[in-house]
Every structure is written in C-alpha cells, then in structure tokens.
Protein backbone atom coordinates (compact mmCIF):
# COMPACT_ATOMS: atom_id res chain seq x y z
CA MET A 1 -8.29 10.61 14.78
CA THR A 2 -5.56 8.33 15.52
CA ILE A 3 -5.52 4.85 13.80
CA THR A 4 -6.95 3.16 17.00
CA GLU A 5 -9.93 6.11 17.14
CA PHE A 6 -10.36 4.61 13.29
CA HIS A 7 -10.70 1.36 14.59
CA THR A 8 -13.22 2.10 17.17
CA TYR A 9 -15.32 4.36 14.83
CA PHE A 10 -15.44 1.47 12.18
CA ASP A 11 -16.56 -0.49 15.15
CA ILE A 12 -18.69 2.12 16.21
CA LEU A 13 -20.82 1.84 12.39
CA CYS A 14 -20.57 -1.62 11.67
CA ASP A 15 -22.33 -2.30 15.53
CA LYS A 16 -19.18 -4.77 15.89
CA TYR A 17 -17.19 -5.23 18.76
CA GLY A 18 -14.15 -7.47 19.81
CA ASN A 19 -12.95 -7.12 15.89
CA PRO A 20 -15.64 -10.47 15.11
CA TYR A 21 -15.51 -10.23 11.72
CA PHE A 22 -12.58 -8.32 10.98
CA THR A 23 -8.74 -8.50 12.50
CA THR A 24 -6.97 -5.14 13.00
CA ALA A 25 -4.53 -5.96 9.78
CA GLU A 26 -7.30 -6.64 8.07
CA LYS A 27 -8.98 -3.14 9.31
CA ASP A 28 -5.16 -1.53 8.69
CA LEU A 29 -5.92 -2.41 5.23
CA LEU A 30 -9.13 -1.29 4.24
CA PHE A 31 -8.20 2.05 5.85
CA ASN A 32 -5.48 2.27 3.46
CA ARG A 33 -7.37 1.43 0.60
CA ALA A 34 -10.47 3.55 1.76
CA THR A 35 -7.73 6.73 2.06
CA LEU A 36 -6.06 6.16 -1.60
CA ILE A 37 -9.77 6.17 -3.08
CA VAL A 38 -11.33 9.37 -0.82
CA LEU A 39 -8.04 10.66 -2.62
CA GLU A 40 -8.70 10.20 -5.75
CA GLU A 41 -12.27 11.23 -5.85
CA ILE A 42 -11.51 15.16 -4.25
CA ILE A 43 -8.19 15.14 -7.09
CA ASN A 44 -10.43 14.18 -9.63
CA SER A 45 -13.55 16.36 -8.34
CA GLY A 46 -13.04 19.17 -10.56
CA LEU A 47 -11.73 21.03 -7.56
CA GLN A 48 -9.21 23.99 -8.91
CA THR A 49 -5.20 23.71 -7.69
CA GLN A 50 -5.42 26.20 -5.20
CA GLN A 51 -8.98 24.69 -3.48
CA LEU A 52 -6.82 21.04 -3.96
CA GLU A 53 -4.17 22.87 -1.77
CA GLU A 54 -6.17 23.91 0.69
CA VAL A 55 -8.56 20.60 0.97
CA LEU A 56 -5.45 18.64 1.19
CA TYR A 57 -3.00 20.70 2.68
CA PRO A 58 -0.68 18.13 4.82
CA LEU A 59 -0.02 16.44 2.00
CA ILE A 60 0.82 19.58 -0.45
CA LEU A 61 4.82 20.14 -0.55
CA ARG A 62 6.88 22.38 -2.47
CA GLY A 63 10.28 21.63 -4.09
CA TYR A 64 12.54 23.30 -6.25
CA SER A 65 15.12 21.56 -8.54
CA THR A 66 17.16 22.04 -11.74
CA MET A 67 16.74 19.83 -15.26
CA ASN A 68 19.21 17.80 -16.66
CA ALA A 69 21.03 18.18 -20.08
CA SER A 70 18.40 16.65 -21.61
CA GLY A 71 15.74 18.92 -19.75
CA VAL A 72 14.61 15.60 -17.68
CA ILE A 73 13.73 15.95 -13.86
CA PRO A 74 13.54 12.61 -11.97
CA PHE A 75 10.57 11.90 -9.59
CA SER A 76 13.31 10.62 -7.55
CA THR A 77 15.56 13.53 -7.18
CA ILE A 78 12.63 15.71 -6.23
CA GLU A 79 11.67 13.08 -3.52
CA ALA A 80 15.33 13.18 -2.12
CA GLN A 81 14.96 17.11 -1.93
CA LEU A 82 12.11 17.31 -0.52
CA THR A 83 12.62 14.49 1.88
CA ALA A 84 15.66 16.35 3.03
CA ALA A 85 13.79 19.60 3.32
CA TYR A 86 11.03 18.08 5.35
CA GLY A 87 12.65 15.73 7.40
CA GLN A 88 9.69 12.44 6.24
CA ASN A 89 10.09 10.41 3.87
CA VAL A 90 8.18 11.63 0.61
CA VAL A 91 6.90 9.49 -2.48
CA ILE A 92 5.18 11.57 -5.16
CA TYR A 93 1.61 10.87 -5.62
CA ARG A 94 0.58 13.15 -8.04
CA ILE A 95 2.31 16.60 -9.91
CA LEU A 96 -0.22 19.37 -8.93
CA SER A 97 1.63 22.26 -10.55
CA VAL A 98 4.96 23.92 -11.71
CA SER A 99 6.60 27.15 -12.48
CA GLN A 100 9.89 28.10 -13.72
CA ALA A 101 11.79 31.28 -12.35
CA ASN A 102 12.67 33.55 -16.10
CA SER A 103 16.55 35.22 -16.27
CA LEU A 104 14.65 38.58 -14.81
CA GLY A 105 13.45 36.51 -11.76
CA THR A 106 10.07 36.55 -12.85
CA ILE A 107 8.06 33.67 -12.01
CA ILE A 108 5.86 31.85 -14.85
CA PRO A 109 3.75 29.01 -14.49
CA VAL A 110 4.59 25.98 -16.65
CA ARG A 111 2.15 24.25 -18.96
CA TYR A 112 1.36 20.23 -18.98
CA ARG A 113 0.88 19.37 -22.51
CA SER A 114 1.21 15.57 -23.24
CA TYR A 115 4.43 15.07 -25.42
CA ASN A 116 3.26 13.38 -28.28
CA LYS A 117 0.77 16.85 -28.58
CA LEU A 118 4.30 18.84 -29.14
CA ASN A 119 3.75 20.66 -32.01
CA TYR A 120 6.95 22.22 -33.44
CA SER A 121 5.11 23.00 -36.85
CA ASN A 122 2.76 25.49 -34.81
CA THR A 123 4.83 28.66 -33.80
CA PHE A 124 1.65 29.44 -31.13
CA LYS A 125 1.93 25.93 -29.49
CA THR A 126 5.77 25.66 -30.02
CA PRO A 127 7.40 25.43 -26.64
CA SER A 128 9.56 28.97 -25.69
CA ALA A 129 11.00 30.93 -23.04
CA THR A 130 8.24 32.56 -22.35
CA VAL A 131 5.32 29.57 -22.62
CA PRO A 132 7.56 26.50 -21.47
CA VAL A 133 5.69 22.93 -21.19
CA PHE A 134 6.42 20.57 -19.15
CA SER A 135 5.41 16.40 -20.07
CA TYR A 136 6.10 12.47 -18.73
CA ILE A 137 8.50 10.60 -19.76
CA GLY A 138 7.41 6.64 -18.43
CA SER A 139 5.88 7.21 -15.11
CA SER A 140 8.90 9.01 -12.89
CA ASN A 141 10.30 11.76 -15.07
CA LEU A 142 9.28 15.25 -15.73
CA GLN A 143 10.36 16.41 -19.20
CA PHE A 144 10.61 20.14 -19.75
CA LEU A 145 10.64 22.04 -23.14
CA PRO A 146 12.45 23.96 -24.01
CA VAL A 147 15.81 23.17 -21.77
CA ASN A 148 17.68 25.39 -19.77
CA GLN A 149 19.56 23.99 -17.09
CA ALA A 150 20.17 27.64 -15.50
CA LEU A 151 16.51 27.76 -14.31
CA THR A 152 15.17 26.95 -11.28
CA ASN A 153 12.19 24.67 -11.54
CA TYR A 154 9.26 25.05 -8.50
CA ILE A 155 7.11 22.00 -7.92
CA THR A 156 4.17 21.76 -6.01
CA ILE A 157 3.19 18.12 -5.48
CA ILE A 158 0.50 15.77 -3.20
CA LYS A 159 2.65 13.56 -1.12
CA LYS A 160 1.48 9.79 -0.78
CA PRO A 161 -0.39 9.65 2.14
CA LEU A 162 0.99 7.26 4.72
CA THR A 163 0.15 3.82 5.42
CA VAL A 164 -1.54 3.72 8.40
CA SER A 165 -0.96 0.70 10.81
CA THR A 166 -1.78 -0.17 14.63
CA GLY A 167 1.75 -2.06 15.34
CA GLY A 168 3.56 1.53 15.60
CA PRO A 169 0.81 2.83 15.62
CA VAL A 170 1.07 5.14 12.25
CA ASN A 171 -1.38 7.58 12.22
CA SER A 172 -2.99 8.94 8.98
CA ASP A 173 -1.80 12.18 7.73
CA MET A 174 -5.11 13.23 5.68
CA PRO A 175 -6.72 16.06 6.41
CA GLU A 176 -8.92 15.47 9.82
CA ALA A 177 -11.40 16.43 7.99
CA LEU A 178 -11.46 13.81 5.75
CA HIS A 179 -11.03 11.01 8.44
CA ASN A 180 -14.52 10.46 8.72
CA ALA A 181 -14.82 9.79 4.62
CA ILE A 182 -11.62 7.83 5.02
CA VAL A 183 -13.38 5.39 7.77
CA HIS A 184 -17.44 5.54 6.19
CA LYS A 185 -15.80 4.18 3.06
CA ALA A 186 -13.49 1.43 4.83
CA VAL A 187 -16.69 0.23 6.19
CA ASP A 188 -18.30 0.13 2.57
CA LEU A 189 -15.58 -1.59 1.67
CA ALA A 190 -15.91 -4.08 4.08
CA GLY A 191 -19.44 -4.52 3.59
CA ILE A 192 -18.99 -5.40 -0.19
CA GLY A 193 -16.46 -8.03 1.17
CA SER A 194 -18.56 -9.51 3.58
CA ARG A 195 -21.59 -9.77 1.12
CA ASP A 196 -18.83 -11.69 -1.72
CA GLN A 197 -18.43 -13.87 1.05
CA GLU A 198 -21.62 -14.55 2.06
CA LEU A 199 -22.24 -15.42 -2.01
CA VAL A 200 -19.34 -17.27 -1.93
CA ASN A 201 -20.46 -19.32 1.20
CA LEU A 202 -24.51 -20.15 -0.15
CA ASN A 203 -22.66 -21.70 -3.12
CA GLN A 204 -20.23 -23.97 -1.44
CA PRO A 205 -22.06 -27.52 -1.54
CA LYS A 206 -23.63 -29.20 1.92
C-alpha cells in the first residue's frame, strides 16, 4: 500500500471520513509508531534467522567490513558501506547475523556473546580463530574476538524502516504482507488515544 492507501484504509476501519478526529500528520505519526511495534513483534516472535529474512526481506541488507586494531567495527562504518552499496540512506535497526571468511576462504559464523560473559579461563569458551565471537560496545559498536584485521566480516542487518509521510510522499518499505497489520495497529493506537482523551474530558470541571 502507498501512504495514501494507508490513510484511506485507516479511515475505513475507523468509519470516519475527512479526518474528523485525526489530522494527516497525526495519522502519519501513528503509522510510524505502529510500524516499529509490528517490527518488534516479529523480531521477538521466536522466528529463526532464515525465517526473519524471508518475512522482512525488504529490510534485510548484507554488507562487509574489516575490524580496526582493537577489533571494533562502528555501526557508522557498516551504515556507510551499505548506504553506498544500496543507494539509500541506511540506519541499522538490528544486527541479524555475522560471519567471517577465514584464511582458507571458508565462511564461519561469528556467535554473539555478552562482553561481560567472556571466559578466558575456560578453554572451551575462549574465543578463537575457529570459534570467533562478537559483542556490543555501547549501542553503536561491534567488538570482535579474537582480533584479526585481515579477515572480512560479513554482516546481515535489519535496517530501520523508512519514516512514512504524506508530504513527499514517502511510502512504507515494510513488506506488503505486513501493511494491513500496520494499519490495524495504528487504529488500535488511535483508539487508546481517543479513550484517554475522553477520560480527560470527563474529569474536566464543568
């Protein structure tokens, strides 16, 4: 659906025409909030990585990068590489998977491990060339162990969805199959807002 169709369907579901309660800007805001809620619900639904890639295919992007001398790859480096590769402004919403090409050219998965849970005293849990790991440093850096600047790191992300807007217009880049769910969620959010306002009005002094 286009953003115009989002608005039309919203009005049909609410059985309200001509924006009697919600302005165009307010509905755009509801659609954008609903988009992120629907996206989070899917990510947290228990689907495996391959299933997420299938469901969220327009948002799935694959890039590559090398780490610095500290074993760090900033999100900004990944975003810049993906922006250039895909010809669109890319903002990382979630890291989906990471892998490395080892010295033999074999692609091996890089497992996520919380940085404060790295255990160097346990041989079986110590990161190695055959069992590399990554963790997050702050909210915008990937930390790789062991450090090897010669390796290429392949990173699959879920990009942040476009902010839809009637002005422009800017249509949703979420999968078409999820558009109905987004509008329904926006209607739910609008209903909560309306009921809250009704409660406020009831408690106003007469």
